[in-house]
Amino acid sequence: MTNLSNKPWLLGEAYTLADLIVASVIGYSVYLGAPVDQHPITNAWLQKVQARPAMQIDA
């Protein structure tokens, strides 16, 4: 198993559906007030995932 302190994505070197799904849950947690900003590695990963086209919403 890998972790975000030494790999760019949840499962290693490649962005996967796992990143999209987990980031969706964590992003909603942030919306509800979770203190993700207290976890800099997770926060940086979340921002990187949220910047990807798959996470953009066309409203």
C-alpha atoms as a PDB file:
ATOM      1  CA  MET A   1       0.000   0.000   0.000  1.00  0.00           C
ATOM      2  CA  THR A   2       1.166   3.505  -0.714  1.00  0.00           C
ATOM      3  CA  ASN A   3       0.445   6.830   0.891  1.00  0.00           C
ATOM      4  CA  LEU A   4       0.210  10.368  -0.364  1.00  0.00           C
ATOM      5  CA  SER A   5       3.456  11.464   1.249  1.00  0.00           C
ATOM      6  CA  ASN A   6       5.491   9.482  -1.275  1.00  0.00           C
ATOM      7  CA  LYS A   7       3.141   8.949  -4.248  1.00  0.00           C
ATOM      8  CA  PRO A   8       1.141  11.492  -6.266  1.00  0.00           C
ATOM      9  CA  TRP A   9      -2.144   9.552  -6.258  1.00  0.00           C
ATOM     10  CA  LEU A  10      -3.957   7.190  -3.904  1.00  0.00           C
ATOM     11  CA  LEU A  11      -2.953   4.027  -5.728  1.00  0.00           C
ATOM     12  CA  GLY A  12       0.480   5.127  -6.861  1.00  0.00           C
ATOM     13  CA  GLU A  13       1.779   6.890  -9.936  1.00  0.00           C
ATOM     14  CA  ALA A  14      -1.465   7.091 -11.932  1.00  0.00           C
ATOM     15  CA  TYR A  15      -4.680   9.008 -11.291  1.00  0.00           C
ATOM     16  CA  THR A  16      -7.533   6.507 -10.938  1.00  0.00           C
ATOM     17  CA  LEU A  17     -11.233   6.359 -10.232  1.00  0.00           C
ATOM     18  CA  ALA A  18     -10.295   5.870  -6.568  1.00  0.00           C
ATOM     19  CA  ASP A  19      -8.898   9.413  -6.480  1.00  0.00           C
ATOM     20  CA  LEU A  20     -12.096  10.808  -7.984  1.00  0.00           C
ATOM     21  CA  ILE A  21     -14.368   8.946  -5.572  1.00  0.00           C
ATOM     22  CA  VAL A  22     -12.366   9.597  -2.402  1.00  0.00           C
ATOM     23  CA  ALA A  23     -11.860  13.254  -3.328  1.00  0.00           C
ATOM     24  CA  SER A  24     -15.600  13.628  -3.815  1.00  0.00           C
ATOM     25  CA  VAL A  25     -16.243  12.353  -0.295  1.00  0.00           C
ATOM     26  CA  ILE A  26     -13.459  14.441   1.264  1.00  0.00           C
ATOM     27  CA  GLY A  27     -14.535  17.502  -0.704  1.00  0.00           C
ATOM     28  CA  TYR A  28     -18.065  17.155   0.638  1.00  0.00           C
ATOM     29  CA  SER A  29     -16.616  16.732   4.137  1.00  0.00           C
ATOM     30  CA  VAL A  30     -14.768  20.031   3.682  1.00  0.00           C
ATOM     31  CA  TYR A  31     -18.043  21.634   2.604  1.00  0.00           C
ATOM     32  CA  LEU A  32     -19.554  20.382   5.878  1.00  0.00           C
ATOM     33  CA  GLY A  33     -16.660  21.800   7.899  1.00  0.00           C
ATOM     34  CA  ALA A  34     -14.055  19.037   8.152  1.00  0.00           C
ATOM     35  CA  PRO A  35     -10.622  20.521   8.955  1.00  0.00           C
ATOM     36  CA  VAL A  36      -8.745  19.108   5.952  1.00  0.00           C
ATOM     37  CA  ASP A  37      -6.574  22.226   5.870  1.00  0.00           C
ATOM     38  CA  GLN A  38      -4.895  20.846   9.021  1.00  0.00           C
ATOM     39  CA  HIS A  39      -3.568  17.968   6.900  1.00  0.00           C
ATOM     40  CA  PRO A  40      -1.329  19.601   4.273  1.00  0.00           C
ATOM     41  CA  ILE A  41      -0.541  16.491   2.207  1.00  0.00           C
ATOM     42  CA  THR A  42      -4.194  15.480   1.976  1.00  0.00           C
ATOM     43  CA  ASN A  43      -5.233  19.059   1.287  1.00  0.00           C
ATOM     44  CA  ALA A  44      -2.682  19.417  -1.533  1.00  0.00           C
ATOM     45  CA  TRP A  45      -3.835  16.113  -3.058  1.00  0.00           C
ATOM     46  CA  LEU A  46      -7.494  17.201  -2.794  1.00  0.00           C
ATOM     47  CA  GLN A  47      -6.777  20.489  -4.552  1.00  0.00           C
ATOM     48  CA  LYS A  48      -4.891  18.640  -7.290  1.00  0.00           C
ATOM     49  CA  VAL A  49      -7.817  16.251  -7.832  1.00  0.00           C
ATOM     50  CA  GLN A  50     -10.401  19.045  -7.740  1.00  0.00           C
ATOM     51  CA  ALA A  51      -8.471  20.923 -10.443  1.00  0.00           C
ATOM     52  CA  ARG A  52      -8.855  18.019 -12.908  1.00  0.00           C
ATOM     53  CA  PRO A  53     -11.518  18.245 -15.636  1.00  0.00           C
ATOM     54  CA  ALA A  54     -13.400  15.224 -14.234  1.00  0.00           C
ATOM     55  CA  MET A  55     -14.168  17.205 -11.076  1.00  0.00           C
ATOM     56  CA  GLN A  56     -15.481  20.301 -12.870  1.00  0.00           C
ATOM     57  CA  ILE A  57     -19.212  20.928 -12.877  1.00  0.00           C
ATOM     58  CA  ASP A  58     -20.868  22.653 -15.831  1.00  0.00           C
ATOM     59  CA  ALA A  59     -23.856  24.449 -14.400  1.00  0.00           C
END
